[in-house]
PDB file of all heavy atoms in Angstrom:
ATOM      1  N   VAL A   1      60.931  13.891  94.301  1.00  0.00           N
ATOM      2  CA  VAL A   1      62.385  14.014  94.475  1.00  0.00           C
ATOM      3  C   VAL A   1      62.775  13.862  95.942  1.00  0.00           C
ATOM      4  O   VAL A   1      63.681  13.091  96.292  1.00  0.00           O
ATOM      5  CB  VAL A   1      62.875  15.367  93.912  1.00  0.00           C
ATOM      6  CG1 VAL A   1      64.317  15.649  94.358  1.00  0.00           C
ATOM      7  CG2 VAL A   1      62.785  15.373  92.393  1.00  0.00           C
ATOM      8  N   LEU A   2      62.080  14.581  96.811  1.00  0.00           N
ATOM      9  CA  LEU A   2      62.430  14.572  98.234  1.00  0.00           C
ATOM     10  C   LEU A   2      62.151  13.214  98.882  1.00  0.00           C
ATOM     11  O   LEU A   2      62.936  12.751  99.711  1.00  0.00           O
ATOM     12  CB  LEU A   2      61.673  15.682  98.962  1.00  0.00           C
ATOM     13  CG  LEU A   2      62.028  17.104  98.531  1.00  0.00           C
ATOM     14  CD1 LEU A   2      61.040  18.101  99.114  1.00  0.00           C
ATOM     15  CD2 LEU A   2      63.451  17.462  98.924  1.00  0.00           C
ATOM     16  N   SER A   3      61.055  12.577  98.494  1.00  0.00           N
ATOM     17  CA  SER A   3      60.746  11.265  99.077  1.00  0.00           C
ATOM     18  C   SER A   3      61.774  10.228  98.650  1.00  0.00           C
ATOM     19  O   SER A   3      62.120   9.322  99.406  1.00  0.00           O
ATOM     20  CB  SER A   3      59.334  10.809  98.694  1.00  0.00           C
ATOM     21  OG  SER A   3      59.211  10.672  97.294  1.00  0.00           O
ATOM     22  N   GLN A   4      62.306  10.374  97.421  1.00  0.00           N
ATOM     23  CA  GLN A   4      63.353   9.460  96.972  1.00  0.00           C
ATOM     24  C   GLN A   4      64.632   9.676  97.779  1.00  0.00           C
ATOM     25  O   GLN A   4      65.292   8.720  98.183  1.00  0.00           O
ATOM     26  CB  GLN A   4      63.642   9.667  95.488  1.00  0.00           C
ATOM     27  CG  GLN A   4      64.730   8.769  94.929  1.00  0.00           C
ATOM     28  CD  GLN A   4      64.404   7.297  95.039  1.00  0.00           C
ATOM     29  OE1 GLN A   4      63.712   6.739  94.209  1.00  0.00           O
ATOM     30  NE2 GLN A   4      64.899   6.630  96.084  1.00  0.00           N
ATOM     31  N   ALA A   5      64.965  10.930  98.057  1.00  0.00           N
ATOM     32  CA  ALA A   5      66.151  11.233  98.862  1.00  0.00           C
ATOM     33  C   ALA A   5      66.018  10.634 100.259  1.00  0.00           C
ATOM     34  O   ALA A   5      66.970  10.051 100.800  1.00  0.00           O
ATOM     35  CB  ALA A   5      66.354  12.747  98.949  1.00  0.00           C
ATOM     36  N   VAL A   6      64.832  10.764 100.845  1.00  0.00           N
ATOM     37  CA  VAL A   6      64.576  10.192 102.172  1.00  0.00           C
ATOM     38  C   VAL A   6      64.677   8.677 102.128  1.00  0.00           C
ATOM     39  O   VAL A   6      65.235   8.046 103.023  1.00  0.00           O
ATOM     40  CB  VAL A   6      63.194  10.648 102.689  1.00  0.00           C
ATOM     41  CG1 VAL A   6      62.782   9.842 103.913  1.00  0.00           C
ATOM     42  CG2 VAL A   6      63.217  12.129 103.016  1.00  0.00           C
ATOM     43  N   GLU A   7      64.152   8.091 101.075  1.00  0.00           N
ATOM     44  CA  GLU A   7      64.207   6.633 100.912  1.00  0.00           C
ATOM     45  C   GLU A   7      65.652   6.146 100.868  1.00  0.00           C
ATOM     46  O   GLU A   7      65.981   5.072 101.381  1.00  0.00           O
ATOM     47  CB  GLU A   7      63.484   6.241  99.617  1.00  0.00           C
ATOM     48  CG  GLU A   7      63.254   4.751  99.455  1.00  0.00           C
ATOM     49  CD  GLU A   7      62.236   4.199 100.435  1.00  0.00           C
ATOM     50  OE1 GLU A   7      61.315   4.924 100.836  1.00  0.00           O
ATOM     51  OE2 GLU A   7      62.391   3.016 100.795  1.00  0.00           O
ATOM     52  N   TRP A   8      66.516   6.931 100.273  1.00  0.00           N
ATOM     53  CA  TRP A   8      67.931   6.566 100.200  1.00  0.00           C
ATOM     54  C   TRP A   8      68.642   6.736 101.539  1.00  0.00           C
ATOM     55  O   TRP A   8      69.757   6.248 101.706  1.00  0.00           O
ATOM     56  CB  TRP A   8      68.648   7.419  99.154  1.00  0.00           C
ATOM     57  CG  TRP A   8      68.347   7.014  97.735  1.00  0.00           C
ATOM     58  CD1 TRP A   8      68.036   5.765  97.285  1.00  0.00           C
ATOM     59  CD2 TRP A   8      68.356   7.868  96.585  1.00  0.00           C
ATOM     60  NE1 TRP A   8      67.831   5.798  95.926  1.00  0.00           N
ATOM     61  CE2 TRP A   8      68.027   7.062  95.470  1.00  0.00           C
ATOM     62  CE3 TRP A   8      68.594   9.223  96.400  1.00  0.00           C
ATOM     63  CZ2 TRP A   8      67.945   7.580  94.174  1.00  0.00           C
ATOM     64  CZ3 TRP A   8      68.512   9.739  95.117  1.00  0.00           C
ATOM     65  CH2 TRP A   8      68.189   8.928  94.003  1.00  0.00           C
ATOM     66  N   GLY A   9      68.020   7.461 102.471  1.00  0.00           N
ATOM     67  CA  GLY A   9      68.640   7.663 103.783  1.00  0.00           C
ATOM     68  C   GLY A   9      69.218   9.039 104.003  1.00  0.00           C
ATOM     69  O   GLY A   9      70.083   9.229 104.860  1.00  0.00           O
ATOM     70  N   SER A  10      68.726  10.020 103.246  1.00  0.00           N
ATOM     71  CA  SER A  10      69.185  11.402 103.444  1.00  0.00           C
ATOM     72  C   SER A  10      68.955  11.830 104.889  1.00  0.00           C
ATOM     73  O   SER A  10      67.950  11.470 105.500  1.00  0.00           O
ATOM     74  CB  SER A  10      68.422  12.340 102.505  1.00  0.00           C
ATOM     75  OG  SER A  10      68.710  13.689 102.821  1.00  0.00           O
ATOM     76  N   ASP A  11      69.884  12.616 105.423  1.00  0.00           N
ATOM     77  CA  ASP A  11      69.694  13.181 106.758  1.00  0.00           C
ATOM     78  C   ASP A  11      69.716  14.708 106.699  1.00  0.00           C
ATOM     79  O   ASP A  11      70.036  15.376 107.679  1.00  0.00           O
ATOM     80  CB  ASP A  11      70.737  12.651 107.742  1.00  0.00           C
ATOM     81  CG  ASP A  11      72.155  13.111 107.411  1.00  0.00           C
ATOM     82  OD1 ASP A  11      72.363  13.628 106.280  1.00  0.00           O
ATOM     83  OD2 ASP A  11      73.050  12.964 108.252  1.00  0.00           O
ATOM     84  N   ILE A  12      69.351  15.247 105.533  1.00  0.00           N
ATOM     85  CA  ILE A  12      69.270  16.698 105.393  1.00  0.00           C
ATOM     86  C   ILE A  12      67.937  17.162 105.959  1.00  0.00           C
ATOM     87  O   ILE A  12      66.872  16.800 105.450  1.00  0.00           O
ATOM     88  CB  ILE A  12      69.435  17.124 103.920  1.00  0.00           C
ATOM     89  CG1 ILE A  12      70.847  16.778 103.440  1.00  0.00           C
ATOM     90  CG2 ILE A  12      69.169  18.623 103.764  1.00  0.00           C
ATOM     91  CD1 ILE A  12      71.140  17.147 102.004  1.00  0.00           C
ATOM     92  N   LYS A  13      68.004  17.939 106.991  1.00  0.00           N
ATOM     93  CA  LYS A  13      66.798  18.347 107.724  1.00  0.00           C
ATOM     94  C   LYS A  13      65.788  19.053 106.823  1.00  0.00           C
ATOM     95  O   LYS A  13      64.576  18.790 106.905  1.00  0.00           O
ATOM     96  CB  LYS A  13      67.202  19.252 108.885  1.00  0.00           C
ATOM     97  CG  LYS A  13      66.045  19.668 109.777  1.00  0.00           C
ATOM     98  CD  LYS A  13      66.552  20.494 110.948  1.00  0.00           C
ATOM     99  CE  LYS A  13      65.424  20.941 111.851  1.00  0.00           C
ATOM    100  NZ  LYS A  13      65.931  21.726 113.007  1.00  0.00           N
ATOM    101  N   ASN A  14      66.255  19.938 105.964  1.00  0.00           N
ATOM    102  CA  ASN A  14      65.340  20.693 105.113  1.00  0.00           C
ATOM    103  C   ASN A  14      64.568  19.794 104.151  1.00  0.00           C
ATOM    104  O   ASN A  14      63.455  20.136 103.754  1.00  0.00           O
ATOM    105  CB  ASN A  14      66.093  21.771 104.337  1.00  0.00           C
ATOM    106  CG  ASN A  14      66.473  22.941 105.213  1.00  0.00           C
ATOM    107  OD1 ASN A  14      65.889  23.152 106.273  1.00  0.00           O
ATOM    108  ND2 ASN A  14      67.469  23.710 104.796  1.00  0.00           N
ATOM    109  N   SER A  15      65.142  18.666 103.776  1.00  0.00           N
ATOM    110  CA  SER A  15      64.424  17.727 102.906  1.00  0.00           C
ATOM    111  C   SER A  15      63.211  17.162 103.631  1.00  0.00           C
ATOM    112  O   SER A  15      62.114  17.057 103.062  1.00  0.00           O
ATOM    113  CB  SER A  15      65.352  16.591 102.452  1.00  0.00           C
ATOM    114  OG  SER A  15      66.354  17.070 101.590  1.00  0.00           O
ATOM    115  N   TYR A  16      63.395  16.798 104.892  1.00  0.00           N
ATOM    116  CA  TYR A  16      62.289  16.261 105.690  1.00  0.00           C
ATOM    117  C   TYR A  16      61.231  17.335 105.947  1.00  0.00           C
ATOM    118  O   TYR A  16      60.026  17.065 105.857  1.00  0.00           O
ATOM    119  CB  TYR A  16      62.807  15.707 107.015  1.00  0.00           C
ATOM    120  CG  TYR A  16      63.535  14.395 106.873  1.00  0.00           C
ATOM    121  CD1 TYR A  16      64.876  14.350 106.513  1.00  0.00           C
ATOM    122  CD2 TYR A  16      62.871  13.193 107.089  1.00  0.00           C
ATOM    123  CE1 TYR A  16      65.538  13.145 106.371  1.00  0.00           C
ATOM    124  CE2 TYR A  16      63.530  11.975 106.954  1.00  0.00           C
ATOM    125  CZ  TYR A  16      64.859  11.959 106.594  1.00  0.00           C
ATOM    126  OH  TYR A  16      65.506  10.758 106.443  1.00  0.00           O
ATOM    127  N   LEU A  17      61.691  18.535 106.273  1.00  0.00           N
ATOM    128  CA  LEU A  17      60.746  19.604 106.597  1.00  0.00           C
ATOM    129  C   LEU A  17      59.931  20.026 105.378  1.00  0.00           C
ATOM    130  O   LEU A  17      58.717  20.236 105.477  1.00  0.00           O
ATOM    131  CB  LEU A  17      61.482  20.805 107.181  1.00  0.00           C
ATOM    132  CG  LEU A  17      62.111  20.591 108.555  1.00  0.00           C
ATOM    133  CD1 LEU A  17      62.717  21.884 109.074  1.00  0.00           C
ATOM    134  CD2 LEU A  17      61.091  20.068 109.540  1.00  0.00           C
ATOM    135  N   LEU A  18      60.577  20.149 104.228  1.00  0.00           N
ATOM    136  CA  LEU A  18      59.851  20.551 103.025  1.00  0.00           C
ATOM    137  C   LEU A  18      58.875  19.458 102.598  1.00  0.00           C
ATOM    138  O   LEU A  18      57.722  19.743 102.257  1.00  0.00           O
ATOM    139  CB  LEU A  18      60.832  20.869 101.897  1.00  0.00           C
ATOM    140  CG  LEU A  18      60.201  21.325 100.578  1.00  0.00           C
ATOM    141  CD1 LEU A  18      59.256  22.497 100.792  1.00  0.00           C
ATOM    142  CD2 LEU A  18      61.298  21.692  99.571  1.00  0.00           C
ATOM    143  N   LEU A  19      59.318  18.219 102.655  1.00  0.00           N
ATOM    144  CA  LEU A  19      58.435  17.113 102.305  1.00  0.00           C
ATOM    145  C   LEU A  19      57.268  17.033 103.297  1.00  0.00           C
ATOM    146  O   LEU A  19      56.112  16.821 102.901  1.00  0.00           O
ATOM    147  CB  LEU A  19      59.222  15.799 102.290  1.00  0.00           C
ATOM    148  CG  LEU A  19      58.474  14.556 101.806  1.00  0.00           C
ATOM    149  CD1 LEU A  19      57.882  14.772 100.419  1.00  0.00           C
ATOM    150  CD2 LEU A  19      59.412  13.345 101.798  1.00  0.00           C
ATOM    151  N   GLY A  20      57.567  17.226 104.576  1.00  0.00           N
ATOM    152  CA  GLY A  20      56.522  17.237 105.586  1.00  0.00           C
ATOM    153  C   GLY A  20      55.523  18.365 105.350  1.00  0.00           C
ATOM    154  O   GLY A  20      54.311  18.181 105.523  1.00  0.00           O
ATOM    155  N   ARG A  21      56.014  19.529 104.932  1.00  0.00           N
ATOM    156  CA  ARG A  21      55.140  20.666 104.647  1.00  0.00           C
ATOM    157  C   ARG A  21      54.219  20.350 103.469  1.00  0.00           C
ATOM    158  O   ARG A  21      53.030  20.689 103.491  1.00  0.00           O
ATOM    159  CB  ARG A  21      55.995  21.900 104.338  1.00  0.00           C
ATOM    160  CG  ARG A  21      55.195  23.197 104.275  1.00  0.00           C
ATOM    161  CD  ARG A  21      56.111  24.390 104.054  1.00  0.00           C
ATOM    162  NE  ARG A  21      57.148  24.478 105.060  1.00  0.00           N
ATOM    163  CZ  ARG A  21      58.440  24.535 104.792  1.00  0.00           C
ATOM    164  NH1 ARG A  21      58.873  24.520 103.552  1.00  0.00           N
ATOM    165  NH2 ARG A  21      59.323  24.622 105.771  1.00  0.00           N
ATOM    166  N   ILE A  22      54.779  19.696 102.463  1.00  0.00           N
ATOM    167  CA  ILE A  22      53.967  19.312 101.298  1.00  0.00           C
ATOM    168  C   ILE A  22      52.850  18.357 101.729  1.00  0.00           C
ATOM    169  O   ILE A  22      51.685  18.521 101.344  1.00  0.00           O
ATOM    170  CB  ILE A  22      54.847  18.667 100.209  1.00  0.00           C
ATOM    171  CG1 ILE A  22      55.790  19.710  99.599  1.00  0.00           C
ATOM    172  CG2 ILE A  22      53.980  18.030  99.118  1.00  0.00           C
ATOM    173  CD1 ILE A  22      56.847  19.145  98.674  1.00  0.00           C
ATOM    174  N   TYR A  23      53.206  17.373 102.553  1.00  0.00           N
ATOM    175  CA  TYR A  23      52.192  16.419 103.024  1.00  0.00           C
ATOM    176  C   TYR A  23      51.124  17.126 103.863  1.00  0.00           C
ATOM    177  O   TYR A  23      49.931  16.814 103.765  1.00  0.00           O
ATOM    178  CB  TYR A  23      52.848  15.312 103.850  1.00  0.00           C
ATOM    179  CG  TYR A  23      53.704  14.356 103.041  1.00  0.00           C
ATOM    180  CD1 TYR A  23      54.817  13.736 103.617  1.00  0.00           C
ATOM    181  CD2 TYR A  23      53.401  14.068 101.721  1.00  0.00           C
ATOM    182  CE1 TYR A  23      55.600  12.846 102.893  1.00  0.00           C
ATOM    183  CE2 TYR A  23      54.189  13.188 100.987  1.00  0.00           C
ATOM    184  CZ  TYR A  23      55.294  12.581 101.571  1.00  0.00           C
ATOM    185  OH  TYR A  23      56.064  11.703 100.845  1.00  0.00           O
ATOM    186  N   LYS A  24      51.567  18.083 104.680  1.00  0.00           N
ATOM    187  CA  LYS A  24      50.609  18.800 105.525  1.00  0.00           C
ATOM    188  C   LYS A  24      49.671  19.653 104.676  1.00  0.00           C
ATOM    189  O   LYS A  24      48.461  19.730 104.942  1.00  0.00           O
ATOM    190  CB  LYS A  24      51.347  19.661 106.544  1.00  0.00           C
ATOM    191  CG  LYS A  24      50.413  20.268 107.590  1.00  0.00           C
ATOM    192  CD  LYS A  24      51.166  20.857 108.760  1.00  0.00           C
ATOM    193  CE  LYS A  24      50.195  21.342 109.835  1.00  0.00           C
ATOM    194  NZ  LYS A  24      50.894  21.890 111.010  1.00  0.00           N
ATOM    195  N   GLU A  25      50.231  20.299 103.649  1.00  0.00           N
ATOM    196  CA  GLU A  25      49.408  21.113 102.754  1.00  0.00           C
ATOM    197  C   GLU A  25      48.361  20.252 102.047  1.00  0.00           C
ATOM    198  O   GLU A  25      47.245  20.706 101.782  1.00  0.00           O
ATOM    199  CB  GLU A  25      50.295  21.813 101.717  1.00  0.00           C
ATOM    200  CG  GLU A  25      51.136  22.939 102.295  1.00  0.00           C
ATOM    201  CD  GLU A  25      52.204  23.438 101.325  1.00  0.00           C
ATOM    202  OE1 GLU A  25      52.326  22.867 100.207  1.00  0.00           O
ATOM    203  OE2 GLU A  25      52.926  24.389 101.690  1.00  0.00           O
ATOM    204  N   LYS A  26      48.731  19.003 101.764  1.00  0.00           N
ATOM    205  CA  LYS A  26      47.801  18.074 101.094  1.00  0.00           C
ATOM    206  C   LYS A  26      46.909  17.344 102.097  1.00  0.00           C
ATOM    207  O   LYS A  26      46.073  16.530 101.715  1.00  0.00           O
ATOM    208  CB  LYS A  26      48.602  17.034 100.293  1.00  0.00           C
ATOM    209  CG  LYS A  26      49.344  17.624  99.107  1.00  0.00           C
ATOM    210  CD  LYS A  26      50.366  16.636  98.544  1.00  0.00           C
ATOM    211  CE  LYS A  26      49.698  15.364  98.062  1.00  0.00           C
ATOM    212  NZ  LYS A  26      50.692  14.406  97.505  1.00  0.00           N
TER     213      LYS A  26
END
């Protein structure tokens, strides 16, 4: 969900941070 939002051009900071946290956890 979050990667799709980013792909569309979202500029919501929490979307980037949560997605980044998921990538870091993995």
